[in-house]
Amino acid sequence: MHKLTENVLVEQMFTPVVSTDTTQVNGTGVLMAKYDTYTGVVTVAAAPDEDDVTLTLKESTDDTTYAALNTTVQATIATGASGTSLTVTLEARGEDMDIDSVEKYLRVEVVPDTSTAWVIAGLSLRSNPRYAQASLPTD
């Protein structure tokens, strides 16, 4: 039996964000060199009626310039009735990423479709370490 903390690293993607326009919100880039699976968990709360929020998982070799994964990982949250709170997950495994680079960063990009107010928060989870438990790195 393995401890959860030895197999999953949980980090805040971004602090809760209140937006009043269509500005894109980018999650923090996470280094995937020591893990095989990434899961982004994003919650949209207090969104106005009939506004959509599009979330896309992007990759980078330098944590500055991000592009789409080999396999597009995208979700749209259709917020529906005003005041609803919706959560979505985005997942990528090693085979979804461009494996030519050892240093691989992933992040979630969030784009609302209208300029009305909305609130969003998210977590990044890295799992399936690439090293034996005895040598598991701390980050």
Protein backbone atom coordinates (compact mmCIF):
# COMPACT_ATOMS: atom_id res chain seq x y z
CA MET A 1 0.00 0.00 0.00
CA HIS A 2 1.38 3.41 -0.98
CA LYS A 3 0.69 6.72 0.65
CA LEU A 4 -1.30 9.20 -1.41
CA THR A 5 1.34 11.87 -0.78
CA GLU A 6 3.98 9.62 -2.39
CA ASN A 7 1.98 9.26 -5.59
CA VAL A 8 0.09 12.53 -6.07
CA LEU A 9 1.36 16.11 -5.88
CA VAL A 10 -1.45 18.67 -5.46
CA GLU A 11 -0.84 22.38 -6.11
CA GLN A 12 -2.98 25.45 -6.51
CA MET A 13 -3.42 26.19 -10.23
CA PHE A 14 -4.44 29.76 -9.54
CA THR A 15 -5.97 31.56 -6.61
CA PRO A 16 -9.69 32.20 -6.97
CA VAL A 17 -10.04 34.76 -9.76
CA VAL A 18 -12.87 37.24 -10.22
CA SER A 19 -13.04 38.47 -13.79
CA THR A 20 -15.29 41.05 -15.39
CA ASP A 21 -14.18 40.68 -19.01
CA THR A 22 -13.05 38.11 -21.58
CA THR A 23 -9.40 38.19 -20.48
CA GLN A 24 -7.74 34.78 -20.59
CA VAL A 25 -6.66 33.36 -17.22
CA ASN A 26 -3.62 31.06 -17.23
CA GLY A 27 -2.96 28.47 -14.58
CA THR A 28 0.53 28.04 -13.18
CA GLY A 29 2.78 25.88 -15.35
CA VAL A 30 3.78 22.61 -13.68
CA LEU A 31 6.88 20.58 -14.56
CA MET A 32 5.96 17.04 -15.63
CA ALA A 33 9.51 15.58 -15.89
CA LYS A 34 9.01 13.39 -12.80
CA TYR A 35 5.34 12.46 -13.29
CA ASP A 36 3.35 10.72 -16.01
CA THR A 37 -0.19 12.02 -15.45
CA TYR A 38 -1.61 15.54 -15.07
CA THR A 39 -5.13 16.35 -13.92
CA GLY A 40 -6.44 19.91 -13.75
CA VAL A 41 -9.56 20.49 -11.65
CA VAL A 42 -11.31 23.80 -12.34
CA THR A 43 -14.48 25.17 -10.73
CA VAL A 44 -16.50 28.05 -12.12
CA ALA A 45 -18.83 29.70 -9.64
CA ALA A 46 -21.09 32.72 -9.77
CA ALA A 47 -21.14 32.74 -13.55
CA PRO A 48 -23.89 34.65 -15.32
CA ASP A 49 -26.70 32.95 -17.17
CA GLU A 50 -25.82 31.31 -20.51
CA ASP A 51 -22.12 32.22 -20.48
CA ASP A 52 -19.56 29.60 -21.44
CA VAL A 53 -15.99 29.21 -20.21
CA THR A 54 -13.52 27.28 -22.40
CA LEU A 55 -10.59 25.48 -20.76
CA THR A 56 -7.65 24.15 -22.77
CA LEU A 57 -4.63 22.18 -21.58
CA LYS A 58 -1.39 23.49 -23.14
CA GLU A 59 2.27 22.37 -23.03
CA SER A 60 5.64 24.12 -23.08
CA THR A 61 9.33 23.28 -23.00
CA ASP A 62 10.35 26.52 -21.27
CA ASP A 63 7.30 27.52 -19.14
CA THR A 64 6.84 30.70 -21.20
CA THR A 65 5.52 29.76 -24.66
CA TYR A 66 2.57 27.36 -24.58
CA ALA A 67 0.97 25.39 -27.43
CA ALA A 68 -1.73 22.76 -27.79
CA LEU A 69 -0.92 19.16 -26.85
CA ASN A 70 -0.48 16.45 -29.50
CA THR A 71 -3.98 15.36 -28.49
CA THR A 72 -6.25 18.35 -27.85
CA VAL A 73 -7.52 18.35 -24.28
CA GLN A 74 -10.31 20.89 -23.98
CA ALA A 75 -13.57 21.37 -22.10
CA THR A 76 -16.34 23.93 -22.18
CA ILE A 77 -18.33 24.77 -19.09
CA ALA A 78 -21.82 25.89 -20.08
CA THR A 79 -22.79 27.64 -16.89
CA GLY A 80 -26.53 27.52 -17.48
CA ALA A 81 -28.60 29.14 -14.78
CA SER A 82 -27.16 32.13 -12.96
CA GLY A 83 -25.37 31.28 -9.74
CA THR A 84 -24.58 27.67 -10.61
CA SER A 85 -21.21 26.19 -9.68
CA LEU A 86 -19.64 23.73 -12.10
CA THR A 87 -16.44 21.69 -11.92
CA VAL A 88 -14.55 20.09 -14.79
CA THR A 89 -11.36 18.03 -15.01
CA LEU A 90 -8.76 17.98 -17.79
CA GLU A 91 -6.32 15.07 -17.92
CA ALA A 92 -3.18 14.32 -19.91
CA ARG A 93 -0.92 11.27 -19.81
CA GLY A 94 2.62 10.94 -21.05
CA GLU A 95 1.50 9.79 -24.50
CA ASP A 96 -0.55 12.99 -24.93
CA MET A 97 2.55 15.16 -24.53
CA ASP A 98 5.34 15.86 -26.99
CA ILE A 99 7.95 13.43 -25.64
CA ASP A 100 10.88 14.93 -27.57
CA SER A 101 11.60 17.17 -24.59
CA VAL A 102 12.47 15.97 -21.09
CA GLU A 103 11.43 19.29 -19.56
CA LYS A 104 7.70 19.45 -20.17
CA TYR A 105 5.38 21.97 -18.54
CA LEU A 106 1.58 21.87 -18.62
CA ARG A 107 -0.99 24.50 -17.71
CA VAL A 108 -4.71 25.16 -18.13
CA GLU A 109 -5.81 28.24 -20.05
CA VAL A 110 -9.28 29.58 -19.27
CA VAL A 111 -11.20 31.86 -21.65
CA PRO A 112 -14.71 33.19 -20.92
CA ASP A 113 -16.92 33.93 -23.95
CA THR A 114 -18.51 37.14 -22.65
CA SER A 115 -17.48 40.18 -20.66
CA THR A 116 -19.70 39.62 -17.66
CA ALA A 117 -18.45 38.79 -14.16
CA TRP A 118 -17.44 35.24 -13.21
CA VAL A 119 -15.40 33.51 -10.48
CA ILE A 120 -13.00 30.60 -11.10
CA ALA A 121 -10.57 28.50 -9.03
CA GLY A 122 -8.42 25.46 -9.80
CA LEU A 123 -5.99 22.78 -8.64
CA SER A 124 -3.23 20.91 -10.49
CA LEU A 125 -2.57 17.26 -9.64
CA ARG A 126 0.52 15.42 -10.85
CA SER A 127 0.46 11.64 -10.38
CA ASN A 128 2.06 8.36 -11.40
CA PRO A 129 5.67 9.20 -10.50
CA ARG A 130 8.33 7.96 -12.89
CA TYR A 131 10.67 6.88 -10.09
CA ALA A 132 10.60 4.06 -7.55
CA GLN A 133 9.18 5.08 -4.16
CA ALA A 134 12.60 4.98 -2.47
CA SER A 135 13.86 7.74 -4.79
CA LEU A 136 10.68 9.76 -5.29
CA PRO A 137 11.52 13.46 -5.60
CA THR A 138 9.77 16.06 -3.47
CA ASP A 139 8.59 18.29 -6.33
